[in-house]
Amino acid sequence: MKKITSQQQRVLDCIQIYLNKTGFPPTRADICKELGFKSPNSAETHLRALEKKGFISIESGTSRGISIINNDNKLTQADDEYPVVGLVAAGSPTLAQENIEQTINCPNKFFDSDFDYFLKVKGLSMKDVGIMEDDLIAVKKTNEVRNGDIVIARLEDEVTVKFFQRKSPKIVELEPANEDYENIVVDLEHQDFHIEGKSVGLLRKN
């Protein structure tokens, strides 16, 4: 693993902190605001250097397509094993054995919040916040969520990852981050709906 400059380390730390706080990566403008860069080009230069040195990956065509690479050479904290849940079988508990594809080691303090499992992303409904197919979302099991959180929700027998927005006591909307997908309007009185957890971070494995 190549060494990085102090400025590149600041950018890398900024990405990690932003992921920890929000569950999705920063834009170039966010990095400029956090670190005081005058131009997004400055952020872009450091990002490309970090990508070349193997610390991050950058997905073209999305403003938030930045992911920290889970490289074992960088992980110095104590590891723990977490299950990776793939496509959830309709009607089955998320952590049912048939849904678990593997377990992986991850430092237990890698994200700002504790978490319970990784969910492998299917589809591109959240691509505009940098969540791509086969990425691993770190999921904290909770039903205490706020508007704007990225949640793992079960609607009837299907599990989906979307932004949470409560419109009224009886209506919730699940919002994608991709203009090709429509909002899902949930009638809490007539549909079986509950929150499985929320995203507290993201891994993209090479």
N, C-alpha and C. Protein backbone atom coordinates (compact mmCIF):
# COMPACT_ATOMS: atom_id res chain seq x y z
N MET A 1 0.84 -1.20 0.00
CA MET A 1 0.00 0.00 0.00
C MET A 1 0.87 1.25 0.00
N LYS A 2 0.69 2.12 -0.97
CA LYS A 2 1.50 3.32 -1.06
C LYS A 2 1.13 4.31 0.04
N LYS A 3 2.13 5.12 0.43
CA LYS A 3 1.89 6.15 1.43
C LYS A 3 1.11 7.30 0.81
N ILE A 4 0.37 8.02 1.66
CA ILE A 4 -0.39 9.17 1.17
C ILE A 4 0.07 10.43 1.90
N THR A 5 -0.15 11.57 1.28
CA THR A 5 0.25 12.84 1.87
C THR A 5 -0.73 13.22 2.98
N SER A 6 -0.34 14.22 3.75
CA SER A 6 -1.20 14.67 4.85
C SER A 6 -2.53 15.23 4.33
N GLN A 7 -2.50 15.90 3.18
CA GLN A 7 -3.75 16.42 2.60
C GLN A 7 -4.64 15.28 2.12
N GLN A 8 -4.02 14.28 1.51
CA GLN A 8 -4.79 13.12 1.07
C GLN A 8 -5.40 12.39 2.27
N GLN A 9 -4.67 12.32 3.38
CA GLN A 9 -5.20 11.69 4.60
C GLN A 9 -6.39 12.48 5.12
N ARG A 10 -6.32 13.81 5.03
CA ARG A 10 -7.45 14.65 5.47
C ARG A 10 -8.70 14.35 4.64
N VAL A 11 -8.50 14.20 3.32
CA VAL A 11 -9.62 13.89 2.44
C VAL A 11 -10.18 12.50 2.77
N LEU A 12 -9.30 11.53 2.97
CA LEU A 12 -9.74 10.17 3.31
C LEU A 12 -10.51 10.17 4.63
N ASP A 13 -10.00 10.89 5.62
CA ASP A 13 -10.70 10.99 6.92
C ASP A 13 -12.06 11.66 6.76
N CYS A 14 -12.10 12.69 5.91
CA CYS A 14 -13.36 13.39 5.67
C CYS A 14 -14.40 12.45 5.08
N ILE A 15 -13.99 11.62 4.12
CA ILE A 15 -14.92 10.66 3.52
C ILE A 15 -15.44 9.70 4.57
N GLN A 16 -14.53 9.17 5.42
CA GLN A 16 -14.94 8.21 6.44
C GLN A 16 -15.88 8.83 7.45
N ILE A 17 -15.57 10.05 7.90
CA ILE A 17 -16.42 10.72 8.88
C ILE A 17 -17.80 10.99 8.29
N TYR A 18 -17.84 11.42 7.03
CA TYR A 18 -19.12 11.69 6.37
C TYR A 18 -19.95 10.42 6.25
N LEU A 19 -19.28 9.31 5.88
CA LEU A 19 -19.97 8.02 5.82
C LEU A 19 -20.51 7.63 7.19
N ASN A 20 -19.70 7.83 8.22
CA ASN A 20 -20.13 7.48 9.57
C ASN A 20 -21.35 8.27 10.01
N LYS A 21 -21.38 9.56 9.65
CA LYS A 21 -22.47 10.44 10.12
C LYS A 21 -23.75 10.26 9.31
N THR A 22 -23.60 10.05 8.00
CA THR A 22 -24.78 10.09 7.13
C THR A 22 -25.14 8.75 6.51
N GLY A 23 -24.17 7.84 6.43
CA GLY A 23 -24.44 6.56 5.78
C GLY A 23 -24.17 6.57 4.28
N PHE A 24 -23.81 7.74 3.73
CA PHE A 24 -23.46 7.80 2.30
C PHE A 24 -22.29 8.77 2.11
N PRO A 25 -21.56 8.64 1.01
CA PRO A 25 -20.33 9.42 0.83
C PRO A 25 -20.60 10.88 0.49
N PRO A 26 -19.58 11.75 0.68
CA PRO A 26 -19.74 13.17 0.37
C PRO A 26 -19.60 13.44 -1.12
N THR A 27 -20.12 14.57 -1.55
CA THR A 27 -19.84 15.08 -2.90
C THR A 27 -18.52 15.85 -2.86
N ARG A 28 -18.02 16.22 -4.03
CA ARG A 28 -16.82 17.06 -4.07
C ARG A 28 -17.07 18.38 -3.36
N ALA A 29 -18.29 18.93 -3.52
CA ALA A 29 -18.62 20.19 -2.86
C ALA A 29 -18.62 20.02 -1.34
N ASP A 30 -19.12 18.88 -0.87
CA ASP A 30 -19.11 18.62 0.58
C ASP A 30 -17.68 18.58 1.11
N ILE A 31 -16.78 17.93 0.36
CA ILE A 31 -15.38 17.85 0.79
C ILE A 31 -14.76 19.24 0.83
N CYS A 32 -15.03 20.05 -0.19
CA CYS A 32 -14.51 21.43 -0.20
C CYS A 32 -15.01 22.21 1.00
N LYS A 33 -16.29 22.07 1.32
CA LYS A 33 -16.87 22.79 2.46
C LYS A 33 -16.24 22.34 3.77
N GLU A 34 -16.05 21.04 3.93
CA GLU A 34 -15.51 20.50 5.18
C GLU A 34 -14.03 20.87 5.36
N LEU A 35 -13.28 20.87 4.27
CA LEU A 35 -11.82 21.04 4.38
C LEU A 35 -11.32 22.41 3.93
N GLY A 36 -12.23 23.26 3.46
CA GLY A 36 -11.85 24.62 3.10
C GLY A 36 -11.16 24.76 1.76
N PHE A 37 -11.34 23.79 0.87
CA PHE A 37 -10.78 23.92 -0.47
C PHE A 37 -11.56 24.97 -1.25
N LYS A 38 -10.86 25.73 -2.09
CA LYS A 38 -11.52 26.79 -2.84
C LYS A 38 -12.23 26.27 -4.09
N SER A 39 -11.78 25.12 -4.60
CA SER A 39 -12.33 24.61 -5.85
C SER A 39 -12.57 23.11 -5.75
N PRO A 40 -13.69 22.62 -6.35
CA PRO A 40 -13.90 21.17 -6.42
C PRO A 40 -12.76 20.44 -7.12
N ASN A 41 -12.01 21.16 -7.98
CA ASN A 41 -10.88 20.54 -8.67
C ASN A 41 -9.81 20.09 -7.67
N SER A 42 -9.66 20.85 -6.58
CA SER A 42 -8.69 20.46 -5.55
C SER A 42 -9.10 19.15 -4.92
N ALA A 43 -10.40 19.03 -4.59
CA ALA A 43 -10.89 17.77 -4.03
C ALA A 43 -10.71 16.64 -5.03
N GLU A 44 -10.99 16.91 -6.29
CA GLU A 44 -10.90 15.88 -7.33
C GLU A 44 -9.46 15.37 -7.47
N THR A 45 -8.50 16.28 -7.40
CA THR A 45 -7.09 15.89 -7.52
C THR A 45 -6.70 14.92 -6.41
N HIS A 46 -7.10 15.23 -5.18
CA HIS A 46 -6.78 14.35 -4.05
C HIS A 46 -7.53 13.03 -4.15
N LEU A 47 -8.77 13.08 -4.61
CA LEU A 47 -9.55 11.85 -4.75
C LEU A 47 -8.92 10.91 -5.76
N ARG A 48 -8.49 11.46 -6.89
CA ARG A 48 -7.87 10.62 -7.93
C ARG A 48 -6.56 10.02 -7.43
N ALA A 49 -5.82 10.78 -6.62
CA ALA A 49 -4.57 10.25 -6.07
C ALA A 49 -4.87 9.10 -5.10
N LEU A 50 -5.91 9.26 -4.27
CA LEU A 50 -6.30 8.20 -3.34
C LEU A 50 -6.78 6.96 -4.08
N GLU A 51 -7.49 7.19 -5.19
CA GLU A 51 -7.95 6.05 -5.99
C GLU A 51 -6.75 5.32 -6.61
N LYS A 52 -5.79 6.06 -7.13
CA LYS A 52 -4.62 5.45 -7.77
C LYS A 52 -3.81 4.64 -6.76
N LYS A 53 -3.80 5.10 -5.50
CA LYS A 53 -3.02 4.41 -4.47
C LYS A 53 -3.81 3.29 -3.79
N GLY A 54 -5.08 3.11 -4.21
CA GLY A 54 -5.83 1.95 -3.74
C GLY A 54 -6.60 2.14 -2.46
N PHE A 55 -6.82 3.40 -2.03
CA PHE A 55 -7.54 3.65 -0.79
C PHE A 55 -9.05 3.82 -1.00
N ILE A 56 -9.42 4.29 -2.18
CA ILE A 56 -10.84 4.48 -2.48
C ILE A 56 -11.13 4.01 -3.90
N SER A 57 -12.41 3.85 -4.20
CA SER A 57 -12.84 3.65 -5.58
C SER A 57 -13.82 4.76 -5.92
N ILE A 58 -13.81 5.18 -7.18
CA ILE A 58 -14.68 6.27 -7.64
C ILE A 58 -15.55 5.74 -8.77
N GLU A 59 -16.85 5.86 -8.60
CA GLU A 59 -17.82 5.44 -9.62
C GLU A 59 -18.14 6.64 -10.49
N SER A 60 -17.88 6.55 -11.77
CA SER A 60 -18.13 7.67 -12.67
C SER A 60 -19.63 7.88 -12.87
N GLY A 61 -20.00 9.12 -13.11
CA GLY A 61 -21.38 9.44 -13.44
C GLY A 61 -22.28 9.70 -12.25
N THR A 62 -21.75 9.65 -11.02
CA THR A 62 -22.56 9.95 -9.84
C THR A 62 -21.80 10.93 -8.95
N SER A 63 -22.54 11.85 -8.34
CA SER A 63 -21.89 12.88 -7.53
C SER A 63 -21.35 12.33 -6.22
N ARG A 64 -21.92 11.19 -5.77
CA ARG A 64 -21.48 10.62 -4.49
C ARG A 64 -20.84 9.24 -4.67
N GLY A 65 -20.30 8.98 -5.85
CA GLY A 65 -19.77 7.66 -6.13
C GLY A 65 -18.38 7.41 -5.58
N ILE A 66 -18.18 7.64 -4.30
CA ILE A 66 -16.89 7.44 -3.65
C ILE A 66 -17.05 6.37 -2.57
N SER A 67 -16.17 5.37 -2.60
CA SER A 67 -16.22 4.33 -1.58
C SER A 67 -14.82 4.06 -1.05
N ILE A 68 -14.72 3.85 0.26
CA ILE A 68 -13.45 3.45 0.86
C ILE A 68 -13.28 1.96 0.66
N ILE A 69 -12.12 1.57 0.17
CA ILE A 69 -11.85 0.16 -0.08
C ILE A 69 -11.45 -0.51 1.22
N ASN A 70 -12.09 -1.63 1.50
CA ASN A 70 -11.81 -2.40 2.70
C ASN A 70 -10.54 -3.21 2.47
N ASN A 71 -9.39 -2.55 2.70
CA ASN A 71 -8.11 -3.21 2.45
C ASN A 71 -7.52 -3.66 3.77
N ASP A 72 -7.21 -4.93 3.87
CA ASP A 72 -6.74 -5.49 5.13
C ASP A 72 -5.45 -4.86 5.62
N ASN A 73 -4.67 -4.26 4.71
CA ASN A 73 -3.44 -3.62 5.14
C ASN A 73 -3.69 -2.38 5.98
N LYS A 74 -4.87 -1.81 5.86
CA LYS A 74 -5.17 -0.57 6.58
C LYS A 74 -5.93 -0.83 7.88
N LEU A 75 -6.47 -2.03 8.05
CA LEU A 75 -7.34 -2.27 9.18
C LEU A 75 -6.52 -2.73 10.37
N THR A 76 -6.40 -1.87 11.37
CA THR A 76 -5.56 -2.19 12.52
C THR A 76 -6.37 -2.41 13.78
N GLN A 77 -7.65 -2.09 13.75
CA GLN A 77 -8.49 -2.29 14.92
C GLN A 77 -8.93 -3.75 15.00
N ALA A 78 -9.45 -4.11 16.17
CA ALA A 78 -9.90 -5.49 16.37
C ALA A 78 -11.01 -5.83 15.39
N ASP A 79 -10.87 -7.01 14.77
CA ASP A 79 -11.88 -7.45 13.81
C ASP A 79 -12.99 -8.23 14.51
N ASP A 80 -14.14 -8.24 13.88
CA ASP A 80 -15.23 -9.08 14.31
C ASP A 80 -15.88 -9.64 13.06
N GLU A 81 -16.63 -10.73 13.20
CA GLU A 81 -17.28 -11.33 12.04
C GLU A 81 -18.72 -10.86 11.93
N TYR A 82 -19.10 -10.50 10.72
CA TYR A 82 -20.46 -10.05 10.46
C TYR A 82 -21.04 -10.84 9.29
N PRO A 83 -22.31 -11.24 9.39
CA PRO A 83 -22.93 -11.93 8.26
C PRO A 83 -23.19 -10.98 7.11
N VAL A 84 -23.10 -11.50 5.90
CA VAL A 84 -23.46 -10.76 4.69
C VAL A 84 -24.75 -11.37 4.16
N VAL A 85 -25.80 -10.56 4.14
CA VAL A 85 -27.11 -11.01 3.68
C VAL A 85 -27.26 -10.66 2.21
N GLY A 86 -27.62 -11.65 1.42
CA GLY A 86 -27.82 -11.42 -0.01
C GLY A 86 -29.28 -11.13 -0.29
N LEU A 87 -29.79 -11.67 -1.37
CA LEU A 87 -31.19 -11.48 -1.74
C LEU A 87 -32.08 -12.15 -0.69
N VAL A 88 -32.93 -11.36 -0.04
CA VAL A 88 -33.76 -11.90 1.03
C VAL A 88 -34.95 -12.65 0.44
N ALA A 89 -35.10 -13.90 0.82
CA ALA A 89 -36.22 -14.70 0.33
C ALA A 89 -37.53 -14.09 0.82
N ALA A 90 -38.52 -14.02 -0.06
CA ALA A 90 -39.81 -13.39 0.27
C ALA A 90 -40.40 -14.03 1.53
N GLY A 91 -40.74 -13.16 2.48
CA GLY A 91 -41.42 -13.62 3.68
C GLY A 91 -40.51 -14.18 4.76
N SER A 92 -39.20 -14.33 4.48
CA SER A 92 -38.31 -14.93 5.47
C SER A 92 -37.63 -13.84 6.30
N PRO A 93 -37.24 -14.17 7.54
CA PRO A 93 -36.46 -13.20 8.34
C PRO A 93 -35.17 -12.84 7.62
N THR A 94 -34.79 -11.57 7.71
CA THR A 94 -33.62 -11.11 6.98
C THR A 94 -32.38 -11.93 7.30
N LEU A 95 -32.19 -12.25 8.57
CA LEU A 95 -30.99 -12.96 8.99
C LEU A 95 -31.18 -14.47 9.02
N ALA A 96 -32.21 -14.97 8.35
CA ALA A 96 -32.39 -16.42 8.23
C ALA A 96 -31.16 -17.01 7.53
N GLN A 97 -30.81 -18.24 7.92
CA GLN A 97 -29.58 -18.85 7.42
C GLN A 97 -29.54 -18.89 5.90
N GLU A 98 -30.70 -19.13 5.26
CA GLU A 98 -30.69 -19.24 3.79
C GLU A 98 -30.39 -17.92 3.10
N ASN A 99 -30.50 -16.81 3.83
CA ASN A 99 -30.22 -15.51 3.22
C ASN A 99 -28.77 -15.07 3.42
N ILE A 100 -28.03 -15.75 4.28
CA ILE A 100 -26.64 -15.36 4.58
C ILE A 100 -25.70 -16.01 3.59
N GLU A 101 -25.01 -15.16 2.82
CA GLU A 101 -24.10 -15.65 1.79
C GLU A 101 -22.73 -16.01 2.34
N GLN A 102 -22.28 -15.26 3.33
CA GLN A 102 -20.95 -15.47 3.89
C GLN A 102 -20.83 -14.63 5.17
N THR A 103 -19.73 -14.74 5.85
CA THR A 103 -19.38 -13.81 6.92
C THR A 103 -18.05 -13.18 6.57
N ILE A 104 -17.87 -11.92 6.97
CA ILE A 104 -16.60 -11.24 6.70
C ILE A 104 -16.10 -10.58 7.98
N ASN A 105 -14.80 -10.42 8.06
CA ASN A 105 -14.19 -9.72 9.18
C ASN A 105 -14.17 -8.23 8.90
N CYS A 106 -14.50 -7.46 9.90
CA CYS A 106 -14.47 -6.00 9.78
C CYS A 106 -14.14 -5.44 11.16
N PRO A 107 -13.30 -4.42 11.26
CA PRO A 107 -13.02 -3.82 12.56
C PRO A 107 -14.33 -3.36 13.22
N ASN A 108 -14.48 -3.70 14.50
CA ASN A 108 -15.76 -3.38 15.15
C ASN A 108 -15.95 -1.90 15.41
N LYS A 109 -14.93 -1.08 15.17
CA LYS A 109 -15.08 0.38 15.29
C LYS A 109 -14.85 1.06 13.95
N PHE A 110 -15.04 0.31 12.86
CA PHE A 110 -14.77 0.87 11.54
C PHE A 110 -15.73 2.00 11.21
N PHE A 111 -16.99 1.87 11.64
CA PHE A 111 -17.98 2.92 11.44
C PHE A 111 -18.26 3.62 12.78
N ASP A 112 -18.80 4.80 12.69
CA ASP A 112 -19.05 5.61 13.88
C ASP A 112 -20.09 4.94 14.78
N SER A 113 -21.01 4.22 14.18
CA SER A 113 -22.06 3.52 14.93
C SER A 113 -21.79 2.02 14.90
N ASP A 114 -22.24 1.32 15.95
CA ASP A 114 -22.17 -0.13 15.87
C ASP A 114 -23.20 -0.61 14.84
N PHE A 115 -23.01 -1.84 14.36
CA PHE A 115 -23.93 -2.38 13.37
C PHE A 115 -24.02 -3.88 13.54
N ASP A 116 -24.97 -4.51 12.85
CA ASP A 116 -25.27 -5.91 13.11
C ASP A 116 -24.96 -6.83 11.94
N TYR A 117 -25.06 -6.34 10.73
CA TYR A 117 -24.79 -7.18 9.56
C TYR A 117 -24.59 -6.32 8.34
N PHE A 118 -24.10 -6.94 7.28
CA PHE A 118 -23.99 -6.27 5.98
C PHE A 118 -25.09 -6.79 5.06
N LEU A 119 -25.67 -5.88 4.30
CA LEU A 119 -26.66 -6.25 3.29
C LEU A 119 -26.07 -5.97 1.92
N LYS A 120 -26.03 -6.98 1.06
CA LYS A 120 -25.52 -6.79 -0.30
C LYS A 120 -26.58 -6.12 -1.16
N VAL A 121 -26.21 -5.02 -1.78
CA VAL A 121 -27.16 -4.21 -2.54
C VAL A 121 -27.49 -4.89 -3.87
N LYS A 122 -28.77 -4.89 -4.19
CA LYS A 122 -29.24 -5.37 -5.49
C LYS A 122 -29.87 -4.20 -6.24
N GLY A 123 -29.47 -4.01 -7.48
CA GLY A 123 -30.05 -2.95 -8.29
C GLY A 123 -29.36 -1.61 -8.09
N LEU A 124 -29.87 -0.59 -8.79
CA LEU A 124 -29.25 0.73 -8.83
C LEU A 124 -30.18 1.84 -8.37
N SER A 125 -31.17 1.51 -7.53
CA SER A 125 -32.15 2.52 -7.13
C SER A 125 -31.54 3.60 -6.23
N MET A 126 -30.34 3.36 -5.67
CA MET A 126 -29.70 4.35 -4.79
C MET A 126 -28.36 4.81 -5.35
N LYS A 127 -28.18 4.71 -6.65
CA LYS A 127 -26.86 4.98 -7.24
C LYS A 127 -26.42 6.43 -7.11
N ASP A 128 -27.37 7.38 -7.04
CA ASP A 128 -27.00 8.79 -6.99
C ASP A 128 -26.43 9.22 -5.65
N VAL A 129 -26.49 8.35 -4.64
CA VAL A 129 -25.78 8.61 -3.39
C VAL A 129 -24.60 7.64 -3.25
N GLY A 130 -24.18 7.07 -4.40
CA GLY A 130 -22.99 6.26 -4.41
C GLY A 130 -23.17 4.83 -3.94
N ILE A 131 -24.42 4.36 -3.84
CA ILE A 131 -24.68 2.98 -3.45
C ILE A 131 -24.95 2.18 -4.71
N MET A 132 -24.01 1.30 -5.05
CA MET A 132 -24.07 0.58 -6.32
C MET A 132 -24.36 -0.90 -6.07
N GLU A 133 -24.72 -1.58 -7.14
CA GLU A 133 -25.01 -3.01 -7.03
C GLU A 133 -23.80 -3.77 -6.48
N ASP A 134 -24.07 -4.68 -5.55
CA ASP A 134 -23.08 -5.53 -4.87
C ASP A 134 -22.27 -4.80 -3.81
N ASP A 135 -22.52 -3.49 -3.58
CA ASP A 135 -21.94 -2.84 -2.41
C ASP A 135 -22.50 -3.48 -1.15
N LEU A 136 -21.78 -3.32 -0.05
CA LEU A 136 -22.24 -3.85 1.23
C LEU A 136 -22.62 -2.71 2.16
N ILE A 137 -23.89 -2.65 2.52
CA ILE A 137 -24.39 -1.65 3.46
C ILE A 137 -24.26 -2.21 4.88
N ALA A 138 -23.63 -1.45 5.77
CA ALA A 138 -23.58 -1.83 7.18
C ALA A 138 -24.92 -1.44 7.82
N VAL A 139 -25.63 -2.41 8.35
CA VAL A 139 -26.99 -2.19 8.85
C VAL A 139 -27.03 -2.29 10.37
N LYS A 140 -27.54 -1.25 10.98
CA LYS A 140 -27.84 -1.28 12.41
C LYS A 140 -29.31 -1.63 12.59
N LYS A 141 -29.59 -2.71 13.32
CA LYS A 141 -30.98 -3.12 13.52
C LYS A 141 -31.66 -2.15 14.48
N THR A 142 -32.62 -1.42 13.96
CA THR A 142 -33.38 -0.45 14.76
C THR A 142 -34.63 -0.06 13.99
N ASN A 143 -35.67 0.34 14.71
CA ASN A 143 -36.84 0.93 14.04
C ASN A 143 -36.98 2.40 14.38
N GLU A 144 -35.95 2.95 15.03
CA GLU A 144 -35.94 4.38 15.36
C GLU A 144 -35.17 5.11 14.27
N VAL A 145 -35.92 5.67 13.33
CA VAL A 145 -35.30 6.36 12.19
C VAL A 145 -35.93 7.73 12.02
N ARG A 146 -35.21 8.59 11.32
CA ARG A 146 -35.68 9.94 11.05
C ARG A 146 -35.79 10.17 9.56
N ASN A 147 -36.55 11.17 9.18
CA ASN A 147 -36.65 11.53 7.77
C ASN A 147 -35.26 11.79 7.20
N GLY A 148 -34.99 11.21 6.05
CA GLY A 148 -33.70 11.37 5.41
C GLY A 148 -32.74 10.24 5.68
N ASP A 149 -33.05 9.37 6.65
CA ASP A 149 -32.20 8.20 6.89
C ASP A 149 -32.34 7.21 5.74
N ILE A 150 -31.27 6.52 5.43
CA ILE A 150 -31.34 5.41 4.49
C ILE A 150 -31.72 4.17 5.28
N VAL A 151 -32.87 3.61 4.96
CA VAL A 151 -33.40 2.52 5.77
C VAL A 151 -33.48 1.23 4.96
N ILE A 152 -33.48 0.14 5.70
CA ILE A 152 -33.78 -1.17 5.14
C ILE A 152 -35.19 -1.47 5.61
N ALA A 153 -36.13 -1.50 4.68
CA ALA A 153 -37.55 -1.60 5.02
C ALA A 153 -38.15 -2.86 4.41
N ARG A 154 -39.09 -3.43 5.12
CA ARG A 154 -39.84 -4.57 4.59
C ARG A 154 -41.26 -4.11 4.30
N LEU A 155 -41.65 -4.21 3.05
CA LEU A 155 -43.00 -3.87 2.61
C LEU A 155 -43.65 -5.14 2.08
N GLU A 156 -44.69 -5.58 2.78
CA GLU A 156 -45.27 -6.89 2.52
C GLU A 156 -44.14 -7.93 2.66
N ASP A 157 -43.81 -8.67 1.60
CA ASP A 157 -42.77 -9.69 1.71
C ASP A 157 -41.44 -9.26 1.12
N GLU A 158 -41.34 -8.01 0.66
CA GLU A 158 -40.14 -7.56 -0.03
C GLU A 158 -39.31 -6.62 0.85
N VAL A 159 -37.98 -6.76 0.76
CA VAL A 159 -37.05 -5.90 1.48
C VAL A 159 -36.42 -4.92 0.49
N THR A 160 -36.37 -3.65 0.87
CA THR A 160 -35.83 -2.64 -0.03
C THR A 160 -34.98 -1.64 0.75
N VAL A 161 -34.06 -0.96 0.06
CA VAL A 161 -33.22 0.09 0.64
C VAL A 161 -33.60 1.41 0.00
N LYS A 162 -34.03 2.36 0.83
CA LYS A 162 -34.49 3.65 0.30
C LYS A 162 -34.32 4.73 1.39
N PHE A 163 -34.45 5.99 0.98
CA PHE A 163 -34.58 7.08 1.95
C PHE A 163 -35.96 7.01 2.61
N PHE A 164 -35.99 7.28 3.91
CA PHE A 164 -37.24 7.27 4.67
C PHE A 164 -37.80 8.68 4.78
N GLN A 165 -39.10 8.84 4.49
CA GLN A 165 -39.79 10.11 4.66
C GLN A 165 -41.19 9.83 5.21
N ARG A 166 -41.46 10.30 6.42
CA ARG A 166 -42.82 10.17 6.96
C ARG A 166 -43.62 11.40 6.55
N LYS A 167 -44.68 11.19 5.78
CA LYS A 167 -45.49 12.28 5.27
C LYS A 167 -46.64 12.64 6.21
N SER A 168 -47.12 11.65 6.96
CA SER A 168 -48.21 11.86 7.91
C SER A 168 -48.21 10.66 8.84
N PRO A 169 -49.04 10.67 9.89
CA PRO A 169 -49.08 9.50 10.79
C PRO A 169 -49.42 8.20 10.07
N LYS A 170 -50.09 8.29 8.93
CA LYS A 170 -50.54 7.08 8.24
C LYS A 170 -49.80 6.79 6.93
N ILE A 171 -48.96 7.74 6.49
CA ILE A 171 -48.31 7.60 5.18
C ILE A 171 -46.79 7.76 5.32
N VAL A 172 -46.07 6.80 4.74
CA VAL A 172 -44.62 6.87 4.63
C VAL A 172 -44.26 6.78 3.15
N GLU A 173 -43.25 7.54 2.73
CA GLU A 173 -42.72 7.38 1.38
C GLU A 173 -41.28 6.88 1.46
N LEU A 174 -40.99 5.92 0.60
CA LEU A 174 -39.64 5.41 0.44
C LEU A 174 -39.09 5.97 -0.86
N GLU A 175 -38.04 6.79 -0.73
CA GLU A 175 -37.54 7.54 -1.88
C GLU A 175 -36.23 6.95 -2.40
N PRO A 176 -36.17 6.64 -3.71
CA PRO A 176 -34.91 6.19 -4.31
C PRO A 176 -33.99 7.36 -4.56
N ALA A 177 -32.75 7.05 -4.90
CA ALA A 177 -31.80 8.08 -5.34
C ALA A 177 -31.40 7.76 -6.77
N ASN A 178 -32.41 7.74 -7.63
CA ASN A 178 -32.23 7.44 -9.04
C ASN A 178 -33.52 7.86 -9.74
N GLU A 179 -33.41 8.79 -10.66
CA GLU A 179 -34.61 9.35 -11.29
C GLU A 179 -35.37 8.31 -12.13
N ASP A 180 -34.75 7.18 -12.39
CA ASP A 180 -35.44 6.13 -13.15
C ASP A 180 -36.42 5.33 -12.28
N TYR A 181 -36.39 5.56 -10.98
CA TYR A 181 -37.27 4.86 -10.05
C TYR A 181 -38.25 5.83 -9.42
N GLU A 182 -39.43 5.36 -9.11
CA GLU A 182 -40.45 6.19 -8.49
C GLU A 182 -40.49 5.97 -6.98
N ASN A 183 -40.99 6.99 -6.26
CA ASN A 183 -41.20 6.84 -4.82
C ASN A 183 -42.21 5.73 -4.56
N ILE A 184 -42.00 5.04 -3.45
CA ILE A 184 -42.96 4.02 -3.00
C ILE A 184 -43.79 4.63 -1.88
N VAL A 185 -45.07 4.77 -2.10
CA VAL A 185 -45.97 5.33 -1.09
C VAL A 185 -46.56 4.18 -0.29
N VAL A 186 -46.40 4.24 1.04
CA VAL A 186 -46.84 3.17 1.92
C VAL A 186 -48.02 3.65 2.76
N ASP A 187 -49.13 2.96 2.67
CA ASP A 187 -50.30 3.21 3.50
C ASP A 187 -50.20 2.31 4.73
N LEU A 188 -49.84 2.91 5.87
CA LEU A 188 -49.57 2.12 7.06
C LEU A 188 -50.80 1.41 7.60
N GLU A 189 -51.99 1.89 7.23
CA GLU A 189 -53.21 1.26 7.72
C GLU A 189 -53.55 -0.02 6.94
N HIS A 190 -53.08 -0.10 5.70
CA HIS A 190 -53.52 -1.19 4.85
C HIS A 190 -52.38 -2.05 4.29
N GLN A 191 -51.13 -1.68 4.58
CA GLN A 191 -50.00 -2.45 4.09
C GLN A 191 -49.12 -2.90 5.25
N ASP A 192 -48.56 -4.08 5.10
CA ASP A 192 -47.66 -4.63 6.11
C ASP A 192 -46.28 -4.02 5.90
N PHE A 193 -45.86 -3.18 6.84
CA PHE A 193 -44.62 -2.42 6.68
C PHE A 193 -43.90 -2.32 8.01
N HIS A 194 -42.59 -2.55 7.98
CA HIS A 194 -41.79 -2.20 9.16
C HIS A 194 -40.33 -1.98 8.76
N ILE A 195 -39.64 -1.24 9.63
CA ILE A 195 -38.25 -0.90 9.40
C ILE A 195 -37.37 -2.00 10.01
N GLU A 196 -36.48 -2.55 9.18
CA GLU A 196 -35.56 -3.58 9.65
C GLU A 196 -34.30 -2.95 10.26
N GLY A 197 -33.92 -1.78 9.78
CA GLY A 197 -32.71 -1.14 10.28
C GLY A 197 -32.37 0.06 9.41
N LYS A 198 -31.22 0.66 9.69
CA LYS A 198 -30.78 1.79 8.89
C LYS A 198 -29.31 1.62 8.52
N SER A 199 -28.93 2.26 7.43
CA SER A 199 -27.57 2.22 6.95
C SER A 199 -26.69 3.12 7.82
N VAL A 200 -25.56 2.58 8.26
CA VAL A 200 -24.60 3.40 9.03
C VAL A 200 -23.24 3.45 8.34
N GLY A 201 -23.14 2.86 7.15
CA GLY A 201 -21.88 2.90 6.43
C GLY A 201 -21.93 2.01 5.21
N LEU A 202 -20.84 2.02 4.46
CA LEU A 202 -20.81 1.33 3.17
C LEU A 202 -19.41 0.79 2.92
N LEU A 203 -19.36 -0.44 2.39
CA LEU A 203 -18.10 -1.01 1.93
C LEU A 203 -18.25 -1.40 0.47
N ARG A 204 -17.18 -1.20 -0.29
CA ARG A 204 -17.12 -1.72 -1.64
C ARG A 204 -15.87 -2.58 -1.72
N LYS A 205 -16.06 -3.86 -1.89
CA LYS A 205 -14.93 -4.78 -1.88
C LYS A 205 -14.44 -5.02 -3.30
N ASN A 206 -13.13 -5.03 -3.48
CA ASN A 206 -12.57 -5.33 -4.80
C ASN A 206 -12.68 -6.83 -5.08
